[in-house]
Amino acid sequence: MLNLKAAMTAYQRTYGEFPTGDNGTILGTLWGSNPKKRIFLDLHPRSTNATGAFIDPWKTPYEIKIHLTNSVSIRSAGKNKHFGDADDVTNPP
């Protein structure tokens, strides 16, 4: 999660905005599908699922939200794979 957030911040510094779209689209943008073909994030292939989404250790896609405050938050559903309960892991916490 920290690497993803750092990559999104680096992208924002380069382009003046965060990458947009769903998890897979954002990941593709950070992997080089951007105007400068710059790679902002290097991940092991096991860190993605079949649709190209960045997944947590329990194989659930991360929830990535860009806020009106020009910030980003990333959330894992946690071990039980359900968002919105006590075992969710967020960044920032």
C-alpha atoms as a PDB file:
ATOM      1  CA  MET A   1       0.000   0.000   0.000  1.00  0.00           C
ATOM      2  CA  LEU A   2       2.841   2.387   0.801  1.00  0.00           C
ATOM      3  CA  ASN A   3       4.493   1.751  -2.575  1.00  0.00           C
ATOM      4  CA  LEU A   4       1.210   2.319  -4.399  1.00  0.00           C
ATOM      5  CA  LYS A   5       0.608   5.568  -2.547  1.00  0.00           C
ATOM      6  CA  ALA A   6       4.168   6.738  -3.252  1.00  0.00           C
ATOM      7  CA  ALA A   7       3.744   5.899  -6.947  1.00  0.00           C
ATOM      8  CA  MET A   8       0.477   7.824  -7.116  1.00  0.00           C
ATOM      9  CA  THR A   9       2.106  10.822  -5.444  1.00  0.00           C
ATOM     10  CA  ALA A  10       5.026  10.682  -7.899  1.00  0.00           C
ATOM     11  CA  TYR A  11       2.542  10.551 -10.780  1.00  0.00           C
ATOM     12  CA  GLN A  12       0.723  13.565  -9.342  1.00  0.00           C
ATOM     13  CA  ARG A  13       3.976  15.513  -9.110  1.00  0.00           C
ATOM     14  CA  THR A  14       4.759  14.683 -12.741  1.00  0.00           C
ATOM     15  CA  TYR A  15       1.318  15.327 -14.259  1.00  0.00           C
ATOM     16  CA  GLY A  16      -0.373  17.640 -11.749  1.00  0.00           C
ATOM     17  CA  GLU A  17      -3.150  15.176 -10.908  1.00  0.00           C
ATOM     18  CA  PHE A  18      -3.624  11.641  -9.662  1.00  0.00           C
ATOM     19  CA  PRO A  19      -4.240   8.856 -12.184  1.00  0.00           C
ATOM     20  CA  THR A  20      -7.936   8.087 -12.524  1.00  0.00           C
ATOM     21  CA  GLY A  21     -10.115   5.089 -13.252  1.00  0.00           C
ATOM     22  CA  ASP A  22     -10.642   1.765 -11.588  1.00  0.00           C
ATOM     23  CA  ASN A  23      -7.886  -0.175  -9.818  1.00  0.00           C
ATOM     24  CA  GLY A  24      -6.652  -1.876 -12.999  1.00  0.00           C
ATOM     25  CA  THR A  25      -6.638   1.341 -15.026  1.00  0.00           C
ATOM     26  CA  ILE A  26      -4.712   3.187 -12.313  1.00  0.00           C
ATOM     27  CA  LEU A  27      -2.212   0.345 -12.099  1.00  0.00           C
ATOM     28  CA  GLY A  28      -1.744   0.333 -15.881  1.00  0.00           C
ATOM     29  CA  THR A  29      -1.128   4.080 -15.813  1.00  0.00           C
ATOM     30  CA  LEU A  30       1.498   3.652 -13.107  1.00  0.00           C
ATOM     31  CA  TRP A  31       3.080   0.788 -15.098  1.00  0.00           C
ATOM     32  CA  GLY A  32       3.732   3.015 -18.085  1.00  0.00           C
ATOM     33  CA  SER A  33       0.411   3.635 -19.865  1.00  0.00           C
ATOM     34  CA  ASN A  34       0.875   7.379 -19.465  1.00  0.00           C
ATOM     35  CA  PRO A  35       1.980  10.141 -21.867  1.00  0.00           C
ATOM     36  CA  LYS A  36       5.684   9.866 -20.953  1.00  0.00           C
ATOM     37  CA  LYS A  37       5.601   6.030 -20.764  1.00  0.00           C
ATOM     38  CA  ARG A  38       7.157   6.406 -17.314  1.00  0.00           C
ATOM     39  CA  ILE A  39       7.008   3.516 -14.847  1.00  0.00           C
ATOM     40  CA  PHE A  40       6.016   4.761 -11.410  1.00  0.00           C
ATOM     41  CA  LEU A  41       5.440   1.378  -9.776  1.00  0.00           C
ATOM     42  CA  ASP A  42       7.244  -1.924 -10.140  1.00  0.00           C
ATOM     43  CA  LEU A  43       5.292  -4.916  -8.830  1.00  0.00           C
ATOM     44  CA  HIS A  44       5.736  -8.644  -8.812  1.00  0.00           C
ATOM     45  CA  PRO A  45       3.199 -10.288 -11.156  1.00  0.00           C
ATOM     46  CA  ARG A  46       1.636 -12.083  -8.176  1.00  0.00           C
ATOM     47  CA  SER A  47       0.540  -8.650  -6.917  1.00  0.00           C
ATOM     48  CA  THR A  48      -2.175  -8.460  -9.580  1.00  0.00           C
ATOM     49  CA  ASN A  49      -5.188 -10.533 -10.502  1.00  0.00           C
ATOM     50  CA  ALA A  50      -6.365 -11.731 -13.929  1.00  0.00           C
ATOM     51  CA  THR A  51      -8.015  -8.364 -14.674  1.00  0.00           C
ATOM     52  CA  GLY A  52      -4.834  -6.413 -13.887  1.00  0.00           C
ATOM     53  CA  ALA A  53      -5.997  -5.037 -10.536  1.00  0.00           C
ATOM     54  CA  PHE A  54      -3.526  -4.586  -7.684  1.00  0.00           C
ATOM     55  CA  ILE A  55      -4.457  -7.109  -4.982  1.00  0.00           C
ATOM     56  CA  ASP A  56      -3.807  -7.363  -1.266  1.00  0.00           C
ATOM     57  CA  PRO A  57      -2.158 -10.383   0.424  1.00  0.00           C
ATOM     58  CA  TRP A  58      -5.584 -12.085   0.563  1.00  0.00           C
ATOM     59  CA  LYS A  59      -6.071 -11.684  -3.228  1.00  0.00           C
ATOM     60  CA  THR A  60      -8.748  -8.963  -2.980  1.00  0.00           C
ATOM     61  CA  PRO A  61      -8.333  -5.826  -5.139  1.00  0.00           C
ATOM     62  CA  TYR A  62      -7.387  -2.738  -3.170  1.00  0.00           C
ATOM     63  CA  GLU A  63      -9.940   0.062  -3.001  1.00  0.00           C
ATOM     64  CA  ILE A  64      -8.319   3.269  -4.266  1.00  0.00           C
ATOM     65  CA  LYS A  65     -10.067   6.589  -3.630  1.00  0.00           C
ATOM     66  CA  ILE A  66      -9.040  10.043  -4.769  1.00  0.00           C
ATOM     67  CA  HIS A  67     -10.520  12.722  -2.536  1.00  0.00           C
ATOM     68  CA  LEU A  68     -11.581  16.283  -3.288  1.00  0.00           C
ATOM     69  CA  THR A  69      -8.890  17.376  -0.833  1.00  0.00           C
ATOM     70  CA  ASN A  70      -6.303  16.326  -3.452  1.00  0.00           C
ATOM     71  CA  SER A  71      -5.315  13.263  -1.464  1.00  0.00           C
ATOM     72  CA  VAL A  72      -5.553   9.540  -1.994  1.00  0.00           C
ATOM     73  CA  SER A  73      -6.502   6.675   0.309  1.00  0.00           C
ATOM     74  CA  ILE A  74      -5.957   2.975  -0.237  1.00  0.00           C
ATOM     75  CA  ARG A  75      -7.852   0.258   1.596  1.00  0.00           C
ATOM     76  CA  SER A  76      -7.539  -3.507   1.847  1.00  0.00           C
ATOM     77  CA  ALA A  77     -10.590  -5.558   2.793  1.00  0.00           C
ATOM     78  CA  GLY A  78      -8.368  -7.551   5.137  1.00  0.00           C
ATOM     79  CA  LYS A  79      -8.234 -11.241   5.811  1.00  0.00           C
ATOM     80  CA  ASN A  80     -12.014 -11.741   5.661  1.00  0.00           C
ATOM     81  CA  LYS A  81     -12.153 -10.117   2.175  1.00  0.00           C
ATOM     82  CA  HIS A  82     -15.101  -7.832   3.093  1.00  0.00           C
ATOM     83  CA  PHE A  83     -14.862  -4.055   3.031  1.00  0.00           C
ATOM     84  CA  GLY A  84     -16.377  -1.986   5.806  1.00  0.00           C
ATOM     85  CA  ASP A  85     -15.544  -3.944   8.931  1.00  0.00           C
ATOM     86  CA  ALA A  86     -12.914  -3.995  11.676  1.00  0.00           C
ATOM     87  CA  ASP A  87     -10.231  -5.941   9.828  1.00  0.00           C
ATOM     88  CA  ASP A  88      -9.905  -3.462   6.933  1.00  0.00           C
ATOM     89  CA  VAL A  89      -6.426  -1.994   6.525  1.00  0.00           C
ATOM     90  CA  THR A  90      -6.196   1.590   5.272  1.00  0.00           C
ATOM     91  CA  ASN A  91      -3.495   4.015   4.231  1.00  0.00           C
ATOM     92  CA  PRO A  92      -3.575   6.545   5.662  1.00  0.00           C
ATOM     93  CA  PRO A  93      -4.963   4.822   8.766  1.00  0.00           C
END
